[in-house]
N, C-alpha and C. Protein backbone atom coordinates (compact mmCIF):
# COMPACT_ATOMS: atom_id res chain seq x y z
N MET A 1 7.65 0.54 -5.72
CA MET A 1 7.06 0.97 -4.72
C MET A 1 8.11 1.86 -4.21
N PHE A 2 7.42 3.22 -3.96
CA PHE A 2 8.53 4.43 -3.40
C PHE A 2 8.52 4.24 -1.88
N SER A 3 9.08 3.03 -1.01
CA SER A 3 8.89 3.17 0.29
C SER A 3 10.59 2.08 -0.09
N THR A 4 9.88 1.19 -1.07
CA THR A 4 11.69 0.60 -1.12
C THR A 4 12.40 1.11 -2.03
N ILE A 5 12.07 1.91 -2.96
CA ILE A 5 12.83 2.32 -3.47
C ILE A 5 13.87 3.96 -2.98
N ALA A 6 12.78 4.23 -1.20
CA ALA A 6 13.45 5.32 -0.88
C ALA A 6 13.85 4.62 0.19
N ALA A 7 14.61 3.80 0.77
CA ALA A 7 14.55 2.97 2.04
C ALA A 7 16.44 3.62 2.13
N PRO A 8 16.85 3.30 1.08
CA PRO A 8 18.54 4.46 1.35
C PRO A 8 18.32 5.47 1.56
N LEU A 9 17.44 6.55 1.28
CA LEU A 9 16.90 7.91 1.13
C LEU A 9 17.63 7.66 2.73
N THR A 10 16.53 7.74 3.38
CA THR A 10 15.68 7.67 4.51
C THR A 10 16.46 6.69 5.22
N ASP A 11 16.87 5.59 5.34
CA ASP A 11 18.64 4.90 6.15
C ASP A 11 19.27 5.97 6.31
N SER A 12 19.73 6.87 5.41
CA SER A 12 21.25 7.87 5.40
C SER A 12 20.87 8.84 6.79
N LEU A 13 19.42 8.79 6.82
CA LEU A 13 18.71 10.17 7.61
C LEU A 13 19.16 9.54 9.40
N LYS A 14 19.14 8.32 9.01
CA LYS A 14 18.97 7.40 10.59
C LYS A 14 20.13 7.34 11.46
N GLY A 15 20.05 7.64 12.57
CA GLY A 15 21.17 7.27 13.67
C GLY A 15 21.71 8.78 14.17
N LYS A 16 23.44 8.60 14.35
CA LYS A 16 23.46 9.34 15.33
C LYS A 16 24.28 9.85 13.42
N CYS A 17 23.84 11.25 13.04
CA CYS A 17 24.51 11.80 12.25
C CYS A 17 24.34 13.03 12.39
N ARG A 18 25.93 14.05 12.33
CA ARG A 18 25.89 14.97 12.84
C ARG A 18 24.63 15.88 12.11
N LYS A 19 23.99 17.34 12.28
CA LYS A 19 23.49 17.92 12.00
C LYS A 19 23.89 18.84 10.47
N GLY A 20 22.94 18.19 9.56
CA GLY A 20 23.38 19.22 8.44
C GLY A 20 24.01 17.56 7.63
N VAL A 21 24.99 16.94 8.76
CA VAL A 21 25.30 15.81 7.66
C VAL A 21 24.56 14.37 6.74
N VAL A 22 24.64 14.79 5.40
CA VAL A 22 24.31 12.83 5.44
C VAL A 22 25.37 12.72 4.53
N HIS A 23 25.19 10.92 5.13
CA HIS A 23 26.25 9.73 4.70
C HIS A 23 25.72 9.35 2.92
N TRP A 24 26.04 10.25 2.28
CA TRP A 24 25.86 9.62 0.81
C TRP A 24 26.10 8.80 0.43
N THR A 25 25.50 7.83 -0.78
CA THR A 25 26.00 6.82 -1.10
C THR A 25 25.79 5.67 -2.49
N GLU A 26 26.34 5.41 -3.21
CA GLU A 26 26.41 4.89 -4.57
C GLU A 26 24.79 4.36 -4.07
N ASP A 27 24.28 3.50 -3.35
CA ASP A 27 22.64 3.05 -3.31
C ASP A 27 21.85 4.18 -2.81
N CYS A 28 22.12 5.62 -2.37
CA CYS A 28 21.54 6.64 -1.95
C CYS A 28 21.38 7.51 -3.76
N GLU A 29 22.43 7.57 -4.06
CA GLU A 29 22.57 8.14 -5.57
C GLU A 29 21.35 7.29 -6.95
N GLN A 30 21.39 5.71 -6.70
CA GLN A 30 20.49 5.18 -7.36
C GLN A 30 19.16 5.25 -6.85
N ALA A 31 18.97 5.42 -5.93
CA ALA A 31 17.43 5.76 -4.81
C ALA A 31 17.02 6.74 -5.69
N PHE A 32 18.25 7.63 -5.14
CA PHE A 32 17.96 9.21 -5.86
C PHE A 32 17.36 9.45 -7.35
N ASN A 33 18.26 8.98 -8.11
CA ASN A 33 17.36 8.45 -9.32
C ASN A 33 16.39 7.68 -9.48
N SER A 34 16.32 6.53 -9.71
CA SER A 34 15.25 6.17 -9.82
C SER A 34 13.87 6.94 -9.17
N LEU A 35 14.13 7.57 -8.46
CA LEU A 35 12.96 7.92 -7.82
C LEU A 35 12.39 9.50 -8.75
N LYS A 36 12.91 10.12 -9.20
CA LYS A 36 13.22 11.12 -10.51
C LYS A 36 12.53 10.39 -11.80
N GLN A 37 12.99 8.92 -11.65
CA GLN A 37 12.15 8.02 -13.26
C GLN A 37 11.03 7.74 -13.51
N ALA A 38 11.12 7.46 -11.65
CA ALA A 38 9.49 7.39 -11.10
C ALA A 38 8.39 8.23 -11.67
N LEU A 39 8.88 9.54 -10.56
CA LEU A 39 8.27 10.53 -10.72
C LEU A 39 8.09 11.66 -11.87
N ALA A 40 8.51 11.55 -13.10
CA ALA A 40 8.24 11.71 -14.18
C ALA A 40 8.00 11.05 -15.43
N SER A 41 7.80 9.76 -15.03
CA SER A 41 7.09 8.80 -16.12
C SER A 41 5.56 8.76 -15.56
N LYS A 42 4.79 8.01 -16.43
CA LYS A 42 3.49 7.19 -16.56
C LYS A 42 3.63 6.56 -15.41
N PRO A 43 2.19 6.43 -14.81
CA PRO A 43 1.02 6.48 -15.56
C PRO A 43 1.19 8.07 -14.68
N VAL A 44 -0.21 8.98 -15.60
CA VAL A 44 -1.03 9.67 -14.83
C VAL A 44 -2.16 9.71 -13.97
N LEU A 45 -2.40 10.62 -13.17
CA LEU A 45 -3.50 10.19 -11.99
C LEU A 45 -5.17 10.72 -12.43
N HIS A 46 -6.00 10.42 -11.92
CA HIS A 46 -6.82 10.52 -12.57
C HIS A 46 -7.95 11.31 -11.79
N SER A 47 -8.68 11.90 -11.55
CA SER A 47 -10.35 12.72 -10.76
C SER A 47 -10.98 11.16 -10.42
N PRO A 48 -10.57 11.15 -8.91
CA PRO A 48 -12.44 10.06 -8.78
C PRO A 48 -13.17 10.81 -9.15
N ASP A 49 -14.25 9.43 -9.85
CA ASP A 49 -15.75 9.72 -9.83
C ASP A 49 -16.66 8.77 -8.74
N TYR A 50 -17.08 9.68 -8.32
CA TYR A 50 -17.87 8.54 -6.93
C TYR A 50 -19.39 8.15 -7.22
N ASN A 51 -19.65 7.73 -8.71
CA ASN A 51 -20.18 6.80 -9.27
C ASN A 51 -19.59 5.68 -9.76
N ARG A 52 -18.57 5.73 -9.58
CA ARG A 52 -18.09 3.95 -9.77
C ARG A 52 -17.26 3.59 -8.66
N GLN A 53 -17.22 2.31 -8.98
CA GLN A 53 -16.19 1.63 -7.45
C GLN A 53 -14.62 2.17 -7.61
N PHE A 54 -14.64 1.98 -6.55
CA PHE A 54 -13.43 2.11 -5.88
C PHE A 54 -12.47 0.90 -6.19
N ILE A 55 -11.26 0.58 -6.75
CA ILE A 55 -10.46 -0.92 -6.58
C ILE A 55 -9.28 0.00 -5.26
N LEU A 56 -9.17 -0.56 -4.74
CA LEU A 56 -7.95 0.09 -3.32
C LEU A 56 -7.01 -1.68 -3.32
N GLN A 57 -5.58 -1.59 -3.98
CA GLN A 57 -4.66 -2.40 -4.05
C GLN A 57 -3.66 -1.53 -3.38
N THR A 58 -3.18 -3.42 -2.23
CA THR A 58 -2.14 -3.35 -1.79
C THR A 58 -1.03 -4.77 -2.18
N ASP A 59 0.06 -3.91 -1.80
CA ASP A 59 1.24 -4.97 -1.89
C ASP A 59 1.69 -4.64 -1.07
N VAL A 60 2.71 -5.94 -0.05
CA VAL A 60 3.79 -5.11 0.56
C VAL A 60 5.38 -5.45 -0.12
N SER A 61 6.14 -5.48 0.50
CA SER A 61 7.74 -6.13 0.45
C SER A 61 7.86 -6.30 2.37
N ASP A 62 9.68 -6.57 1.89
CA ASP A 62 10.26 -6.70 3.05
C ASP A 62 10.18 -5.08 3.94
N ASN A 63 10.86 -4.50 3.42
CA ASN A 63 10.61 -3.04 3.49
C ASN A 63 9.52 -2.46 4.24
N GLY A 64 7.90 -2.31 2.99
CA GLY A 64 7.68 -1.56 3.20
C GLY A 64 6.22 -1.67 2.39
N ILE A 65 5.05 -0.56 2.81
CA ILE A 65 3.56 -0.71 2.17
C ILE A 65 3.92 -0.44 0.56
N GLY A 66 2.74 -0.19 -0.49
CA GLY A 66 2.28 -0.23 -1.17
C GLY A 66 0.81 0.02 -1.56
N VAL A 67 0.26 0.87 -1.51
CA VAL A 67 -1.23 0.93 -2.07
C VAL A 67 -1.52 2.03 -3.03
N VAL A 68 -2.30 0.94 -3.91
CA VAL A 68 -2.78 2.23 -5.20
C VAL A 68 -4.72 2.15 -4.26
N LEU A 69 -4.90 3.51 -4.97
CA LEU A 69 -6.66 3.35 -5.21
C LEU A 69 -6.66 4.11 -6.50
N SER A 70 -7.69 3.19 -7.20
CA SER A 70 -7.92 3.11 -8.71
C SER A 70 -9.12 3.18 -9.14
N GLN A 71 -9.46 3.28 -10.58
CA GLN A 71 -10.86 2.89 -10.95
C GLN A 71 -11.14 2.53 -12.02
N VAL A 72 -12.08 1.49 -12.89
CA VAL A 72 -12.39 1.51 -14.28
C VAL A 72 -12.95 2.76 -14.78
N THR A 73 -12.41 2.85 -15.87
CA THR A 73 -13.27 3.93 -16.67
C THR A 73 -14.06 3.59 -17.57
N GLU A 74 -14.97 4.34 -18.11
CA GLU A 74 -15.38 4.33 -19.65
C GLU A 74 -14.81 3.14 -20.93
N ASP A 75 -13.00 3.59 -20.36
CA ASP A 75 -12.74 2.66 -21.90
C ASP A 75 -12.51 1.62 -21.30
N ASP A 76 -12.70 0.92 -19.67
CA ASP A 76 -12.54 0.17 -19.13
C ASP A 76 -11.07 -0.29 -18.69
N LYS A 77 -10.37 0.53 -18.68
CA LYS A 77 -9.11 0.56 -17.91
C LYS A 77 -8.96 1.12 -16.98
N GLU A 78 -8.30 0.09 -16.51
CA GLU A 78 -7.97 0.73 -14.81
C GLU A 78 -6.80 2.08 -14.60
N HIS A 79 -7.74 2.94 -14.09
CA HIS A 79 -6.56 4.40 -13.94
C HIS A 79 -6.53 4.72 -11.82
N PRO A 80 -5.07 4.83 -12.44
CA PRO A 80 -4.81 5.08 -10.52
C PRO A 80 -5.45 6.40 -10.27
N ILE A 81 -5.83 6.96 -8.85
CA ILE A 81 -6.02 7.87 -8.66
C ILE A 81 -5.32 8.31 -7.18
N ILE A 82 -4.99 7.93 -6.70
CA ILE A 82 -4.05 8.10 -5.50
C ILE A 82 -2.64 7.01 -5.53
N TYR A 83 -1.44 7.20 -5.02
CA TYR A 83 -0.62 6.14 -4.98
C TYR A 83 -0.06 6.50 -3.66
N LEU A 84 -0.23 5.48 -2.59
CA LEU A 84 0.43 5.40 -0.81
C LEU A 84 1.70 4.46 -0.66
N SER A 85 2.43 4.60 0.10
CA SER A 85 3.05 4.71 0.30
C SER A 85 3.94 4.33 1.91
N CYS A 86 4.69 3.20 2.61
CA CYS A 86 4.69 3.75 3.82
C CYS A 86 5.82 2.81 4.37
N LYS A 87 7.27 3.02 5.13
CA LYS A 87 8.42 2.01 5.45
C LYS A 87 7.84 1.63 6.61
N PHE A 88 8.16 0.65 6.40
CA PHE A 88 7.91 -0.66 8.11
C PHE A 88 8.48 -0.14 9.06
N SER A 89 8.51 0.02 10.21
CA SER A 89 8.74 0.32 11.62
C SER A 89 9.95 -1.09 11.27
N ASP A 90 10.91 -0.81 12.69
CA ASP A 90 11.90 -2.14 12.83
C ASP A 90 10.77 -3.54 13.09
N VAL A 91 9.70 -2.94 14.52
CA VAL A 91 8.88 -4.16 14.65
C VAL A 91 7.70 -4.57 13.73
N GLU A 92 7.54 -3.55 12.29
CA GLU A 92 6.09 -4.30 11.84
C GLU A 92 7.66 -4.61 10.81
N LYS A 93 8.63 -4.79 10.92
CA LYS A 93 9.20 -6.45 9.90
C LYS A 93 9.64 -6.99 10.55
N ARG A 94 8.90 -7.00 11.72
CA ARG A 94 8.67 -8.96 12.14
C ARG A 94 7.71 -9.46 11.90
N TYR A 95 6.57 -8.71 11.13
CA TYR A 95 5.11 -8.92 10.89
C TYR A 95 5.16 -10.49 10.10
N CYS A 96 4.43 -11.66 10.90
CA CYS A 96 4.50 -12.34 9.48
C CYS A 96 4.24 -11.68 8.54
N VAL A 97 3.96 -12.60 6.95
CA VAL A 97 3.15 -12.29 6.02
C VAL A 97 1.66 -11.51 5.98
N SER A 98 1.32 -12.49 6.19
CA SER A 98 -0.21 -12.42 6.59
C SER A 98 -0.72 -11.21 7.25
N GLU A 99 0.59 -10.56 9.14
CA GLU A 99 0.10 -9.50 9.22
C GLU A 99 1.01 -8.29 9.00
N LYS A 100 1.65 -8.56 7.92
CA LYS A 100 2.09 -7.26 6.33
C LYS A 100 1.01 -6.89 5.50
N GLU A 101 0.22 -8.05 5.03
CA GLU A 101 -0.72 -8.15 4.19
C GLU A 101 -1.95 -6.95 4.31
N CYS A 102 -2.02 -7.52 5.93
CA CYS A 102 -3.30 -6.95 6.79
C CYS A 102 -3.03 -5.75 6.97
N ALA A 103 -2.03 -5.13 7.43
CA ALA A 103 -1.45 -3.93 7.90
C ALA A 103 -1.21 -3.02 6.87
N ALA A 104 -0.81 -3.27 4.94
CA ALA A 104 -1.06 -2.68 3.96
C ALA A 104 -2.39 -2.34 4.25
N ILE A 105 -3.96 -3.64 4.47
CA ILE A 105 -5.06 -3.11 3.87
C ILE A 105 -5.33 -2.13 4.94
N ILE A 106 -5.27 -2.17 6.43
CA ILE A 106 -5.68 -1.47 7.50
C ILE A 106 -5.28 0.59 6.64
N PHE A 107 -2.88 -0.03 6.70
CA PHE A 107 -3.13 1.62 6.24
C PHE A 107 -3.79 1.60 4.98
N GLY A 108 -4.21 1.41 4.12
CA GLY A 108 -4.70 2.12 3.28
C GLY A 108 -6.67 2.06 3.33
N ILE A 109 -6.77 1.76 3.81
CA ILE A 109 -8.20 2.12 4.35
C ILE A 109 -8.10 3.01 5.35
N GLN A 110 -7.15 3.66 6.77
CA GLN A 110 -7.13 4.42 7.22
C GLN A 110 -6.93 5.69 6.62
N ARG A 111 -6.04 5.60 5.76
CA ARG A 111 -5.85 6.53 4.90
C ARG A 111 -6.29 7.39 4.03
N LEU A 112 -7.45 6.45 3.57
CA LEU A 112 -8.01 7.12 2.24
C LEU A 112 -10.24 6.65 2.90
N LYS A 113 -10.09 6.68 3.39
CA LYS A 113 -11.65 6.97 4.31
C LYS A 113 -12.15 7.74 3.91
N TYR A 114 -11.70 8.93 3.43
CA TYR A 114 -13.04 10.26 3.06
C TYR A 114 -13.03 9.61 1.25
N TYR A 115 -12.85 8.67 0.68
CA TYR A 115 -13.15 8.04 0.01
C TYR A 115 -14.06 7.46 -0.31
N LEU A 116 -13.81 5.93 1.11
CA LEU A 116 -14.67 4.77 0.49
C LEU A 116 -15.30 4.64 1.69
N ASP A 117 -15.25 5.52 3.04
CA ASP A 117 -16.46 5.57 3.90
C ASP A 117 -17.87 5.55 2.78
N GLY A 118 -18.52 4.58 3.39
CA GLY A 118 -20.18 4.84 3.06
C GLY A 118 -20.52 4.57 1.34
N GLN A 119 -18.86 4.42 1.23
CA GLN A 119 -19.15 3.31 -0.58
C GLN A 119 -18.92 1.23 -1.07
N ALA A 120 -18.99 1.28 -1.49
CA ALA A 120 -19.09 -0.17 -1.78
C ALA A 120 -17.32 -0.04 -2.79
N PHE A 121 -16.95 -1.25 -2.21
CA PHE A 121 -14.99 -1.20 -2.91
C PHE A 121 -14.92 -2.24 -3.00
N THR A 122 -13.31 -2.89 -3.89
CA THR A 122 -13.58 -4.41 -4.34
C THR A 122 -11.68 -4.08 -3.60
N ILE A 123 -10.93 -4.95 -3.44
CA ILE A 123 -9.95 -4.57 -2.02
C ILE A 123 -8.53 -6.19 -2.41
N VAL A 124 -7.64 -5.72 -3.44
CA VAL A 124 -7.04 -6.64 -4.42
C VAL A 124 -5.55 -6.65 -3.98
N THR A 125 -5.73 -8.11 -3.08
CA THR A 125 -4.85 -8.91 -2.95
C THR A 125 -4.43 -9.51 -3.38
N ASP A 126 -2.65 -9.88 -3.12
CA ASP A 126 -1.66 -11.47 -3.64
C ASP A 126 -2.16 -12.28 -3.13
N HIS A 127 -2.24 -11.71 -1.70
CA HIS A 127 -1.87 -12.67 -0.58
C HIS A 127 -3.44 -13.20 -0.14
N ASN A 128 -3.42 -14.84 -0.80
CA ASN A 128 -4.63 -15.28 -0.98
C ASN A 128 -5.89 -15.44 0.29
N PRO A 129 -4.69 -16.11 1.45
CA PRO A 129 -5.57 -15.88 2.55
C PRO A 129 -6.15 -14.98 3.37
N LEU A 130 -5.76 -13.78 2.78
CA LEU A 130 -6.20 -12.64 3.67
C LEU A 130 -8.03 -12.06 2.72
N THR A 131 -8.31 -12.92 2.06
CA THR A 131 -9.61 -13.23 0.72
C THR A 131 -10.61 -13.54 2.03
N TRP A 132 -11.00 -13.94 3.67
CA TRP A 132 -11.19 -14.44 4.21
C TRP A 132 -11.62 -13.49 5.56
N LEU A 133 -10.70 -12.60 5.25
CA LEU A 133 -11.09 -11.17 6.40
C LEU A 133 -12.18 -10.72 7.08
N LYS A 134 -13.05 -10.94 6.09
CA LYS A 134 -14.44 -10.57 6.65
C LYS A 134 -15.65 -11.54 6.55
N THR A 135 -15.20 -12.31 7.21
CA THR A 135 -15.96 -13.69 6.94
C THR A 135 -15.33 -14.85 8.14
N ASN A 136 -14.57 -14.72 8.02
CA ASN A 136 -13.85 -15.82 10.02
C ASN A 136 -13.03 -14.91 10.29
N ALA A 137 -12.85 -15.37 11.81
CA ALA A 137 -12.41 -15.15 13.07
C ALA A 137 -10.72 -14.89 12.93
N SER A 138 -9.47 -15.00 13.13
CA SER A 138 -8.54 -15.52 13.30
C SER A 138 -8.16 -16.20 14.63
N LYS A 139 -7.44 -16.39 15.08
CA LYS A 139 -6.58 -16.60 16.12
C LYS A 139 -5.76 -15.76 16.23
N ASN A 140 -5.09 -14.92 14.77
CA ASN A 140 -3.33 -13.91 15.43
C ASN A 140 -5.15 -12.86 16.43
N ALA A 141 -4.51 -12.72 17.46
CA ALA A 141 -4.66 -11.20 18.19
C ALA A 141 -4.85 -10.12 17.27
N ARG A 142 -3.78 -9.54 16.63
CA ARG A 142 -3.39 -8.47 16.01
C ARG A 142 -4.99 -8.26 14.36
N ILE A 143 -4.78 -9.82 13.78
CA ILE A 143 -4.95 -9.41 12.49
C ILE A 143 -6.60 -9.67 13.36
N ALA A 144 -7.30 -10.53 14.43
CA ALA A 144 -8.77 -10.14 14.85
C ALA A 144 -8.79 -8.51 15.07
N ARG A 145 -8.31 -8.32 15.61
CA ARG A 145 -8.49 -6.67 15.86
C ARG A 145 -8.72 -5.65 15.08
N TRP A 146 -7.98 -5.54 13.73
CA TRP A 146 -7.54 -4.62 12.34
C TRP A 146 -9.44 -5.31 11.88
N SER A 147 -9.53 -6.58 12.02
CA SER A 147 -10.56 -7.12 11.13
C SER A 147 -11.85 -6.51 11.80
N LEU A 148 -11.96 -6.15 13.42
CA LEU A 148 -12.76 -5.54 13.45
C LEU A 148 -13.11 -4.39 13.10
N ALA A 149 -12.02 -3.77 12.91
CA ALA A 149 -11.31 -2.10 12.28
C ALA A 149 -12.34 -1.81 11.36
N LEU A 150 -12.51 -3.57 10.32
CA LEU A 150 -12.29 -3.20 8.96
C LEU A 150 -14.54 -3.03 9.25
N GLN A 151 -14.81 -3.72 9.80
CA GLN A 151 -16.47 -4.00 9.59
C GLN A 151 -17.46 -3.05 9.14
N PRO A 152 -17.12 -1.19 9.64
CA PRO A 152 -18.00 -0.04 9.13
C PRO A 152 -17.68 -0.51 7.77
N PHE A 153 -16.65 -0.81 6.83
CA PHE A 153 -16.97 -0.38 5.68
C PHE A 153 -17.68 -2.13 4.70
N ASN A 154 -18.02 -1.65 3.24
CA ASN A 154 -18.27 -2.57 2.61
C ASN A 154 -17.60 -3.13 1.68
N PHE A 155 -16.34 -4.02 1.97
CA PHE A 155 -15.89 -4.85 0.86
C PHE A 155 -16.25 -5.44 0.47
N VAL A 156 -15.27 -6.43 -0.73
CA VAL A 156 -14.77 -7.60 -0.97
C VAL A 156 -13.69 -7.46 -0.96
N ILE A 157 -12.99 -8.44 -0.79
CA ILE A 157 -11.46 -8.68 -1.58
C ILE A 157 -10.83 -9.77 -2.07
N ILE A 158 -10.80 -9.23 -3.43
CA ILE A 158 -10.91 -10.83 -3.57
C ILE A 158 -8.84 -11.12 -4.10
N HIS A 159 -8.51 -12.25 -4.35
CA HIS A 159 -6.88 -12.92 -4.96
C HIS A 159 -7.09 -12.17 -5.93
N ARG A 160 -5.57 -11.44 -6.36
CA ARG A 160 -4.66 -11.48 -8.27
C ARG A 160 -3.29 -11.88 -7.48
N GLY A 161 -2.73 -12.36 -8.42
CA GLY A 161 -1.48 -12.81 -8.78
C GLY A 161 -0.24 -11.32 -8.42
N ASP A 162 0.61 -11.81 -8.59
CA ASP A 162 1.66 -11.05 -8.97
C ASP A 162 1.89 -10.42 -10.05
N ALA A 163 1.75 -11.12 -11.18
CA ALA A 163 2.06 -10.13 -12.16
C ALA A 163 1.16 -9.66 -12.53
N ALA A 164 -0.09 -9.47 -11.77
CA ALA A 164 -1.61 -8.55 -12.75
C ALA A 164 -1.26 -7.42 -11.60
N GLN A 165 -0.74 -7.29 -10.80
CA GLN A 165 -0.89 -6.22 -9.66
C GLN A 165 -0.11 -4.42 -10.26
N LYS A 166 -0.67 -3.42 -9.73
CA LYS A 166 0.03 -2.74 -10.42
C LYS A 166 0.79 -1.80 -8.87
N CYS A 167 0.99 -2.32 -8.36
CA CYS A 167 1.24 -1.94 -6.98
C CYS A 167 3.19 -1.67 -6.73
């Protein structure tokens, strides 16, 4: 996930550093090399086909969110269309696991609404408790608000274990 790999780089720019001065550490060097390698390797992105169903895969870590929009093509293989990620704020890092996983879904749908609006799509998560998100009410106010925000979209949430995730 980009936000996890890039965390040492973005952290080095935080705080009271003098203008134009970056504190480059060994962690920064490793993150930089990892990003170069990841950006130069496969998988290759595909163009969206609006006649096929989209798959929105989400995953979270302690540091951030990863989202992949993909589709299954004629060769019955899942191909990525867009990768998204973002780093959690200090407040978001204190969310419980269900809130973080739900935040990933909200982030993905908000950023990709132009692809997903008006179409049926599947959300794939590795957090099984979120499979009820569209059908049951939550006692958690934040998740309840997010659940209401998702009502206009036509989606199904399925659970897929960690080993099968593409994020």
